[in-house]
Structures are given as C-alpha cells and as structure tokens.
Protein backbone atom coordinates (compact mmCIF):
# COMPACT_ATOMS: atom_id res chain seq x y z
CA UNK A 1 -45.21 -18.41 -5.21
CA UNK A 2 -45.26 -17.03 -8.77
CA UNK A 3 -42.63 -17.60 -11.42
CA UNK A 4 -43.04 -13.97 -12.41
CA UNK A 5 -42.44 -12.42 -8.96
CA UNK A 6 -39.46 -10.40 -10.11
CA UNK A 7 -37.75 -7.11 -9.57
CA UNK A 8 -38.43 -4.40 -12.13
CA UNK A 9 -34.88 -3.09 -12.60
CA UNK A 10 -33.95 -2.11 -16.18
CA UNK A 11 -32.46 -4.84 -18.35
CA UNK A 12 -28.87 -4.46 -19.54
CA UNK A 13 -26.85 -6.29 -22.15
CA UNK A 14 -25.99 -9.93 -21.59
CA UNK A 15 -22.63 -10.37 -19.91
CA UNK A 16 -20.76 -13.24 -18.34
CA UNK A 17 -19.63 -10.96 -15.50
CA UNK A 18 -16.16 -12.33 -14.80
CA UNK A 19 -13.64 -10.71 -12.49
CA UNK A 20 -9.87 -11.25 -12.73
CA UNK A 21 -8.51 -13.33 -9.89
CA UNK A 22 -5.20 -12.72 -8.16
CA UNK A 23 -3.55 -14.25 -5.12
CA UNK A 24 -5.99 -13.06 -2.47
CA UNK A 25 -7.52 -14.55 0.67
CA UNK A 26 -10.19 -17.15 -0.01
CA UNK A 27 -12.76 -18.71 2.26
CA UNK A 28 -13.10 -22.48 2.54
CA UNK A 29 -16.55 -24.01 2.79
CA UNK A 30 -17.30 -24.08 6.53
CA UNK A 31 -17.55 -27.72 7.55
CA UNK A 32 -19.90 -26.92 10.41
CA UNK A 33 -22.38 -24.88 8.36
CA UNK A 34 -25.81 -26.50 8.17
CA UNK A 35 -27.75 -25.46 5.08
CA UNK A 36 -31.43 -26.01 4.43
CA UNK A 37 -30.49 -28.57 1.77
CA UNK A 38 -28.92 -30.72 4.50
CA UNK A 39 -32.38 -31.26 6.00
CA UNK A 40 -33.90 -32.82 2.87
CA UNK A 41 -34.57 -36.56 2.53
CA UNK A 42 -34.22 -38.04 -0.95
CA UNK A 43 -35.26 -41.62 -0.36
CA UNK A 44 -33.45 -44.94 0.04
CA UNK A 45 -29.84 -44.70 -1.00
CA UNK A 46 -30.02 -41.49 -3.03
CA UNK A 47 -27.53 -38.99 -1.57
CA UNK A 48 -27.68 -35.32 -2.61
CA UNK A 49 -25.87 -32.18 -1.43
CA UNK A 50 -25.81 -28.62 -2.76
CA UNK A 51 -23.97 -25.37 -2.14
CA UNK A 52 -23.78 -21.94 -3.77
CA UNK A 53 -21.24 -19.18 -3.22
CA UNK A 54 -20.87 -15.74 -4.77
CA UNK A 55 -17.10 -16.03 -5.16
CA UNK A 56 -14.01 -17.92 -4.10
CA UNK A 57 -12.38 -14.64 -2.98
CA UNK A 58 -13.05 -12.71 0.21
CA UNK A 59 -12.04 -9.48 -1.51
CA UNK A 60 -14.19 -9.85 -4.62
CA UNK A 61 -17.80 -10.65 -3.83
CA UNK A 62 -20.04 -10.08 -6.86
CA UNK A 63 -23.78 -10.53 -6.74
CA UNK A 64 -24.58 -14.24 -6.75
CA UNK A 65 -26.60 -14.72 -9.94
CA UNK A 66 -26.47 -18.51 -9.60
CA UNK A 67 -29.26 -20.61 -8.17
CA UNK A 68 -30.14 -24.21 -7.45
CA UNK A 69 -33.30 -26.16 -6.76
CA UNK A 70 -33.75 -29.36 -4.78
CA UNK A 71 -37.10 -31.10 -4.30
CA UNK A 72 -36.84 -34.14 -2.07
CA UNK A 73 -38.84 -37.37 -1.96
CA UNK A 74 -41.43 -35.81 0.36
CA UNK A 75 -41.98 -32.65 -1.68
CA UNK A 76 -39.86 -30.31 0.43
CA UNK A 77 -37.99 -27.83 -1.76
CA UNK A 78 -34.91 -25.66 -1.24
CA UNK A 79 -33.93 -22.86 -3.62
CA UNK A 80 -32.23 -19.45 -3.64
CA UNK A 81 -34.11 -16.17 -3.28
CA UNK A 82 -32.32 -12.84 -2.73
CA UNK A 83 -29.04 -14.81 -2.55
CA UNK A 84 -30.26 -16.79 0.46
CA UNK A 85 -31.61 -20.32 0.78
CA UNK A 86 -35.37 -20.69 1.23
CA UNK A 87 -37.54 -23.74 1.78
CA UNK A 88 -41.17 -24.55 1.00
CA UNK A 89 -43.36 -27.63 1.26
CA UNK A 90 -45.02 -28.55 -2.05
CA UNK A 91 -48.56 -29.85 -1.85
CA UNK A 92 -49.47 -32.96 -3.84
CA UNK A 93 -45.89 -33.87 -4.73
CA UNK A 94 -45.75 -37.63 -5.39
CA UNK A 95 -43.81 -39.53 -2.76
CA UNK A 96 -40.38 -40.66 -3.89
CA UNK A 97 -40.10 -38.24 -6.83
CA UNK A 98 -37.00 -35.99 -6.84
CA UNK A 99 -35.96 -32.94 -8.88
CA UNK A 100 -32.55 -31.20 -8.81
CA UNK A 101 -31.22 -28.34 -10.93
CA UNK A 102 -28.50 -25.71 -11.20
CA UNK A 103 -28.92 -22.30 -12.83
CA UNK A 104 -26.50 -19.54 -13.78
CA UNK A 105 -28.22 -16.23 -14.41
CA UNK A 106 -26.80 -13.82 -16.96
CA UNK A 107 -27.60 -10.19 -17.49
CA UNK A 108 -24.69 -8.32 -16.03
CA UNK A 109 -25.88 -5.91 -13.34
CA UNK A 110 -29.35 -6.13 -14.87
CA UNK A 111 -31.60 -9.06 -14.06
CA UNK A 112 -29.42 -12.15 -14.23
CA UNK A 113 -30.16 -13.10 -10.63
CA UNK A 114 -33.84 -12.33 -11.06
CA UNK A 115 -33.98 -14.50 -14.18
CA UNK A 116 -32.51 -17.49 -12.35
CA UNK A 117 -34.83 -16.88 -9.40
CA UNK A 118 -37.84 -16.70 -11.72
CA UNK A 119 -36.98 -20.06 -13.27
CA UNK A 120 -36.39 -21.64 -9.86
CA UNK A 121 -39.79 -20.34 -8.75
CA UNK A 122 -41.35 -21.69 -11.94
CA UNK A 123 -39.84 -25.12 -11.33
CA UNK A 124 -41.74 -25.26 -8.05
CA UNK A 125 -45.00 -24.92 -9.99
CA UNK A 126 -44.26 -27.62 -12.56
CA UNK A 127 -45.77 -30.97 -11.51
CA UNK A 128 -43.59 -34.05 -11.20
CA UNK A 129 -42.90 -35.42 -14.69
CA UNK A 130 -42.48 -39.10 -15.56
CA UNK A 131 -41.55 -38.75 -19.25
CA UNK A 132 -39.09 -36.69 -21.27
CA UNK A 133 -41.91 -35.43 -23.46
CA UNK A 134 -43.90 -34.00 -20.55
CA UNK A 135 -40.79 -32.54 -18.91
CA UNK A 136 -39.69 -30.86 -22.14
CA UNK A 137 -43.12 -29.45 -22.93
CA UNK A 138 -43.61 -27.99 -19.46
CA UNK A 139 -40.15 -26.44 -19.29
CA UNK A 140 -40.38 -25.03 -22.81
CA UNK A 141 -43.70 -23.44 -21.83
CA UNK A 142 -42.07 -21.90 -18.73
CA UNK A 143 -39.32 -20.49 -20.96
CA UNK A 144 -41.90 -18.80 -23.20
CA UNK A 145 -43.91 -17.47 -20.24
CA UNK A 146 -40.89 -15.89 -18.57
CA UNK A 147 -39.60 -14.54 -21.88
CA UNK A 148 -42.82 -12.59 -22.24
CA UNK A 149 -42.56 -11.39 -18.66
CA UNK A 150 -39.07 -9.96 -19.15
CA UNK A 151 -39.96 -8.26 -22.45
CA UNK A 152 -40.17 -4.50 -21.94
CA UNK A 153 -42.70 -2.37 -23.89
CA UNK A 154 -41.08 -0.91 -26.95
CA UNK A 155 -37.90 -2.94 -26.52
CA UNK A 156 -37.16 -4.65 -29.84
CA UNK A 157 -33.63 -5.68 -28.90
CA UNK A 158 -33.95 -9.31 -27.78
CA UNK A 159 -30.29 -9.39 -26.80
CA UNK A 160 -31.18 -7.09 -23.91
CA UNK A 161 -33.23 -9.86 -22.30
CA UNK A 162 -31.70 -11.62 -19.34
CA UNK A 163 -31.32 -15.37 -19.33
CA UNK A 164 -30.11 -18.31 -17.29
CA UNK A 165 -28.66 -21.72 -17.81
CA UNK A 166 -30.72 -24.67 -16.64
CA UNK A 167 -29.33 -28.15 -16.12
CA UNK A 168 -31.99 -30.29 -14.49
CA UNK A 169 -32.42 -33.91 -13.46
CA UNK A 170 -35.91 -35.31 -12.94
CA UNK A 171 -35.89 -38.55 -10.94
CA UNK A 172 -39.17 -40.48 -11.05
CA UNK A 173 -39.00 -43.38 -8.57
CA UNK A 174 -37.92 -46.64 -10.18
CA UNK A 175 -37.04 -44.98 -13.50
CA UNK A 176 -33.93 -43.68 -15.21
CA UNK A 177 -33.08 -40.03 -14.41
CA UNK A 178 -34.35 -37.59 -17.05
CA UNK A 179 -32.02 -34.81 -18.21
CA UNK A 180 -33.09 -31.38 -19.49
CA UNK A 181 -30.24 -29.04 -20.36
CA UNK A 182 -29.95 -25.47 -21.66
CA UNK A 183 -26.82 -23.29 -21.57
CA UNK A 184 -23.26 -23.91 -20.45
CA UNK A 185 -23.62 -25.26 -16.94
CA UNK A 186 -22.62 -28.93 -16.92
CA UNK A 187 -23.36 -32.39 -15.63
CA UNK A 188 -20.30 -34.56 -14.98
CA UNK A 189 -19.90 -38.23 -14.13
CA UNK A 190 -16.87 -38.76 -11.89
CA UNK A 191 -15.39 -42.09 -10.86
CA UNK A 192 -12.10 -42.92 -9.16
CA UNK A 193 -10.42 -43.24 -12.57
CA UNK A 194 -12.11 -40.77 -14.93
CA UNK A 195 -14.27 -37.68 -15.32
CA UNK A 196 -16.79 -37.51 -18.16
CA UNK A 197 -18.96 -34.53 -19.21
CA UNK A 198 -22.54 -35.61 -19.93
CA UNK A 199 -23.83 -32.33 -21.37
CA UNK A 200 -22.95 -30.06 -24.29
CA UNK A 201 -22.12 -26.41 -23.74
CA UNK A 202 -24.44 -24.18 -25.77
CA UNK A 203 -21.64 -21.91 -26.99
CA UNK A 204 -20.39 -20.68 -30.39
CA UNK A 205 -18.08 -23.69 -30.80
CA UNK A 206 -21.11 -25.97 -30.61
CA UNK A 207 -22.91 -23.80 -33.18
CA UNK A 208 -19.92 -24.21 -35.50
CA UNK A 209 -20.00 -27.98 -34.96
CA UNK A 210 -23.71 -28.07 -35.82
CA UNK A 211 -22.88 -26.44 -39.16
CA UNK A 212 -20.00 -28.83 -39.85
CA UNK A 213 -17.32 -26.20 -39.27
CA UNK A 214 -15.62 -27.91 -36.31
CA UNK A 215 -14.61 -31.53 -35.84
CA UNK A 216 -14.41 -33.45 -32.58
CA UNK A 217 -10.88 -32.42 -31.62
CA UNK A 218 -11.38 -28.74 -32.39
CA UNK A 219 -14.72 -28.68 -30.59
CA UNK A 220 -13.25 -30.35 -27.50
CA UNK A 221 -10.34 -27.89 -27.39
CA UNK A 222 -12.57 -24.81 -27.64
CA UNK A 223 -15.18 -26.06 -25.16
CA UNK A 224 -13.17 -28.04 -22.60
CA UNK A 225 -9.58 -26.99 -23.25
CA UNK A 226 -10.19 -23.27 -22.69
CA UNK A 227 -12.87 -20.94 -21.35
CA UNK A 228 -14.73 -18.29 -23.33
CA UNK A 229 -17.39 -16.07 -21.81
CA UNK A 230 -19.88 -16.47 -24.67
CA UNK A 231 -23.15 -18.36 -24.94
CA UNK A 232 -25.42 -19.30 -27.85
CA UNK A 233 -28.53 -20.42 -25.95
CA UNK A 234 -30.06 -19.79 -22.55
CA UNK A 235 -33.40 -20.18 -20.83
CA UNK A 236 -35.55 -17.02 -21.26
CA UNK A 237 -32.93 -15.53 -23.62
CA UNK A 238 -33.51 -17.86 -26.60
CA UNK A 239 -30.96 -19.22 -29.08
CA UNK A 240 -28.57 -17.94 -31.74
CA UNK A 241 -27.51 -21.26 -33.24
CA UNK A 242 -28.67 -20.45 -36.76
CA UNK A 243 -27.10 -17.00 -36.88
CA UNK A 244 -25.01 -15.45 -34.07
CA UNK A 245 -26.42 -12.03 -34.95
CA UNK A 246 -30.07 -13.13 -34.73
CA UNK A 247 -31.71 -14.35 -31.55
CA UNK A 248 -34.62 -16.75 -31.95
CA UNK A 249 -37.18 -16.79 -29.16
CA UNK A 250 -37.52 -20.57 -29.00
CA UNK A 251 -35.13 -23.02 -27.42
CA UNK A 252 -33.43 -25.48 -29.74
CA UNK A 253 -33.05 -28.94 -28.23
CA UNK A 254 -29.83 -30.47 -29.50
CA UNK A 255 -30.67 -34.08 -30.34
CA UNK A 256 -29.18 -36.74 -32.62
CA UNK A 257 -30.99 -35.27 -35.61
CA UNK A 258 -29.11 -31.98 -35.18
CA UNK A 259 -25.82 -32.99 -33.57
CA UNK A 260 -22.72 -34.21 -35.41
CA UNK A 261 -22.01 -37.92 -34.82
CA UNK A 262 -19.28 -37.26 -32.23
CA UNK A 263 -21.85 -35.57 -29.96
CA UNK A 264 -24.80 -37.95 -30.48
CA UNK A 265 -24.41 -39.54 -27.05
CA UNK A 266 -24.81 -36.13 -25.34
CA UNK A 267 -28.28 -35.04 -26.43
CA UNK A 268 -29.75 -32.26 -24.31
CA UNK A 269 -32.88 -34.18 -23.34
CA UNK A 270 -32.46 -37.86 -22.62
CA UNK A 271 -32.75 -40.61 -20.04
CA UNK A 272 -29.46 -41.29 -18.30
CA UNK A 273 -27.77 -44.55 -17.46
CA UNK A 274 -26.08 -43.93 -14.11
CA UNK A 275 -23.39 -45.73 -12.16
CA UNK A 276 -23.66 -46.45 -8.47
CA UNK A 277 -19.85 -46.37 -8.12
CA UNK A 278 -19.62 -42.83 -9.55
CA UNK A 279 -20.59 -39.40 -8.30
CA UNK A 280 -22.58 -36.93 -10.40
CA UNK A 281 -21.85 -33.21 -10.36
CA UNK A 282 -24.12 -30.47 -11.67
CA UNK A 283 -22.16 -27.23 -11.65
CA UNK A 284 -22.02 -23.70 -13.01
CA UNK A 285 -19.06 -22.47 -15.04
CA UNK A 286 -17.29 -20.62 -12.25
CA UNK A 287 -15.49 -23.89 -11.57
CA UNK A 288 -13.72 -23.84 -14.95
CA UNK A 289 -13.45 -20.10 -15.68
CA UNK A 290 -9.71 -20.20 -16.41
CA UNK A 291 -7.49 -20.53 -19.51
CA UNK A 292 -6.66 -24.24 -19.00
CA UNK A 293 -9.61 -25.74 -17.12
CA UNK A 294 -8.86 -29.33 -18.04
CA UNK A 295 -5.76 -29.33 -15.84
CA UNK A 296 -7.98 -28.60 -12.84
CA UNK A 297 -10.83 -30.90 -13.87
CA UNK A 298 -8.38 -33.77 -14.42
CA UNK A 299 -7.82 -33.77 -10.65
CA UNK A 300 -11.45 -34.55 -9.90
CA UNK A 301 -11.26 -38.37 -9.99
CA UNK A 302 -8.65 -38.36 -7.21
CA UNK A 303 -10.38 -35.53 -5.34
CA UNK A 304 -14.05 -36.44 -5.74
CA UNK A 305 -14.26 -40.01 -7.03
CA UNK A 306 -13.90 -41.85 -3.73
CA UNK A 307 -16.43 -44.73 -3.77
CA UNK A 308 -18.88 -44.61 -0.94
CA UNK A 309 -18.07 -41.11 0.29
CA UNK A 310 -21.17 -39.10 1.19
CA UNK A 311 -22.31 -36.41 -1.22
CA UNK A 312 -21.78 -33.73 1.43
CA UNK A 313 -18.16 -34.81 1.88
CA UNK A 314 -17.59 -34.75 -1.87
CA UNK A 315 -19.13 -31.29 -2.13
CA UNK A 316 -16.97 -29.97 0.71
CA UNK A 317 -13.85 -31.42 -0.93
CA UNK A 318 -14.70 -29.63 -4.19
CA UNK A 319 -15.19 -26.21 -2.60
CA UNK A 320 -12.33 -26.54 -0.10
CA UNK A 321 -9.78 -27.58 -2.72
CA UNK A 322 -10.95 -24.91 -5.15
CA UNK A 323 -10.65 -22.25 -2.43
CA UNK A 324 -7.26 -23.43 -1.21
CA UNK A 325 -5.67 -23.83 -4.64
CA UNK A 326 -7.64 -22.04 -7.38
CA UNK A 327 -6.64 -22.75 -10.97
CA UNK A 328 -4.06 -20.31 -12.40
CA UNK A 329 -5.47 -17.11 -13.93
CA UNK A 330 -8.94 -17.84 -12.60
CA UNK A 331 -11.66 -15.30 -13.31
CA UNK A 332 -13.78 -14.99 -10.20
CA UNK A 333 -17.37 -16.00 -10.87
CA UNK A 334 -20.27 -17.43 -8.89
CA UNK A 335 -19.93 -21.08 -7.87
CA UNK A 336 -22.85 -23.50 -7.51
CA UNK A 337 -22.76 -27.27 -7.38
CA UNK A 338 -25.11 -30.18 -6.70
CA UNK A 339 -23.58 -33.58 -5.99
CA UNK A 340 -25.54 -36.83 -6.36
CA UNK A 341 -24.65 -40.40 -5.59
CA UNK A 342 -27.02 -43.15 -6.69
CA UNK A 343 -27.60 -46.38 -4.76
CA UNK A 344 -26.62 -49.84 -5.93
CA UNK A 345 -29.64 -51.36 -7.70
CA UNK A 346 -31.60 -54.22 -6.23
CA UNK A 347 -31.07 -57.56 -8.05
CA UNK A 348 -34.37 -57.25 -9.95
CA UNK A 349 -33.57 -53.73 -11.24
CA UNK A 350 -31.60 -54.51 -14.38
CA UNK A 351 -33.25 -52.31 -17.00
CA UNK A 352 -31.05 -49.72 -18.70
CA UNK A 353 -27.94 -51.27 -17.15
CA UNK A 354 -24.72 -50.93 -19.10
CA UNK A 355 -23.35 -54.47 -18.97
CA UNK A 356 -20.27 -53.47 -20.98
CA UNK A 357 -19.12 -51.04 -18.29
CA UNK A 358 -18.04 -53.70 -15.80
CA UNK A 359 -16.21 -53.52 -13.47
CA UNK A 360 -17.87 -50.09 -13.30
CA UNK A 361 -21.50 -51.23 -12.82
CA UNK A 362 -24.30 -48.92 -13.82
CA UNK A 363 -27.92 -48.66 -12.79
CA UNK A 364 -30.80 -46.63 -14.09
CA UNK A 365 -33.45 -46.58 -11.32
CA UNK A 366 -32.37 -44.74 -8.22
CA UNK A 367 -34.66 -46.53 -5.78
C-alpha cells in the first residue's frame, strides 16, 4: 500500500464543511454491529475501541472525510478507505507495540477524504517508534512527502491544498504513550469526576496566544467555550501561525519554548502520564461543533467515566447519547472516536507515576 495512492480530483479551497442541524431522525450506534476494530488484540489489559460515522442525522449524510488507524499488538491494522473499514497484516511489526490515531480531512468537496486516507496509508508504512524524536521525524517527513504529492503543476496557491488533522498515540510496550498532534482533533482524559483536554487546538485563538494577544481565560473561551470552523495548522496543509495570510509548508510543533506558560503542560509532542482509572478519548471536532460545546462535554464524566467499563461500552455510550440528544444548534459534521483504557500497573512499574494524583492513580507503561 502506498501513501500516495490517491484520487486525482481537483483541489478546492479549504473548508470545515459543516451542515446546520435541526430536529431530525438520528441513528444510534447499533449495539450488535461488529466492526473490524473489534477483532484486534492490544495486549494485556489495554482496551481500545473505535468508530466513525459520516453524520448523526439520517437525513444529512455528508461524505465521511474522517479516518482512524489502529495497529494492534500483533501488527494487524484497521483503517478507513473509501469510507469503509479495511484491515491488513503488517510484516515485521514488533510484538506488543500499538499505534492509534484519528484524522479529520479538510478540503471541502475536494480531497479532504483522500488526504486523510493518504496519511492513514502512510502511517502503515512508518515503522514502530520508541522515541518522540524518531516519531516526530518520520511523521514530519510523511507530511512533506504528501504535501508534494498534492501540489498541482502551476498551482501557487498553497491554501488550495487539502489537509487533515492527526492526533496519534504511539504505545511502545513498557513505556509511556507518545503523543503527536496536529490540528484541532483532541485527546481527552475522562474520569468519573472530571474531563481534561490533553491537546491544544491549532486554531487562530492559539496563534493569538502564541503572540501574547490572548490570556488563559480568553483562550479557553474561544477554544473550548465556543466552536469556530477555522484552523491554523494541519497535516499536509502546513501552518499559518506566523501570519494568517501566509501558509508555511512546514509543521510547527508547539512546545514549551513557543507556548505561553498556561499551555506549557499541553505540548504537541510529549510522553503522557496516564491513569488506569480514567478513559482516554481521541475524537474529531464533530462532537463539539455547536455554540456552547462545554455544556455537552461537561456531561462526559457521568456518561463515560465509569471505572472498569469496557472501551466498547464507553464508545457506544458516547455515540448513543450524542445521537439521542444532540447539543443545541449542532452543525452536522463527521464523527470519529477512539477510546482507550489503560491497565493498572504492576507493582514494579512505578516510573512516570503521578504520586500527587492519588486517589486517582496514574501509570505510564501500558503493559
């Protein structure tokens, strides 16, 4: 499989492609449906489930430009191609190593889906990575390769390129999960009492914060208190952090050297300290595409934070509740989510453990 096996449709301007939602029939996630991701095995104690849907509405079914990738502990991978799940067996994948990711393609009716599919295909070709440095270098190289592929002869308008978000967790056995994040999909940590975003949206508000023009409260309100269909960085597309009118080809990793102090703990590329009593949600922005998303997200601890519930049950609860009672004034968008629950660490596994978090114990290694 090649990362550049893409359709050759003309590229159109970047668009978030949102549709207004009204009170219309919706379809709950069928409890009896068996997806290819249900057949994967992630190793002792690590529980993972994934689902993608074009829309919450039966009457508005846009093209599903989202994607996800799961590679299990035996090297079996599931991803989306032509809006359907596909599975392949990777050769030489190290036993026990896991990779999960969500992607949200953007390009309007151009090549948003193809961009996300190209990145998912490229992720299948990237070897298992044990360090943040290797992971970052390989993914940045994939970004540059696909950027060249989508460039059309004589097209000097970089804003016509498609792009995709990419929020990825690399899980080497016995090590802390490694995060690589680009765009405005998110990773959340959800317990029975709280929900915490672990990633930064790459949107204009974050660009303003980088330049000292927004403080913590204003940034939080614009990013998490409302929803705006704008983005400042995406995989393949590039970034416009320096100047919103100029698109740089490279990706800009937001680290402590660039971020304001109130965002230091949310660097784009870092090792994570995870809790075995919490659930982790990677999701695309269709789940909060409404004027007051925090009212909906505030329900997640009660809805999703049940200790010990299987990842598949948590995922079904998310989609079923969203379908049954969508947030007010929701704009219909694609919906993709990956749910992870990490095992309780063995007594000897105490590195990268947050001792101050008790009685909410944390663990870094997942096996």
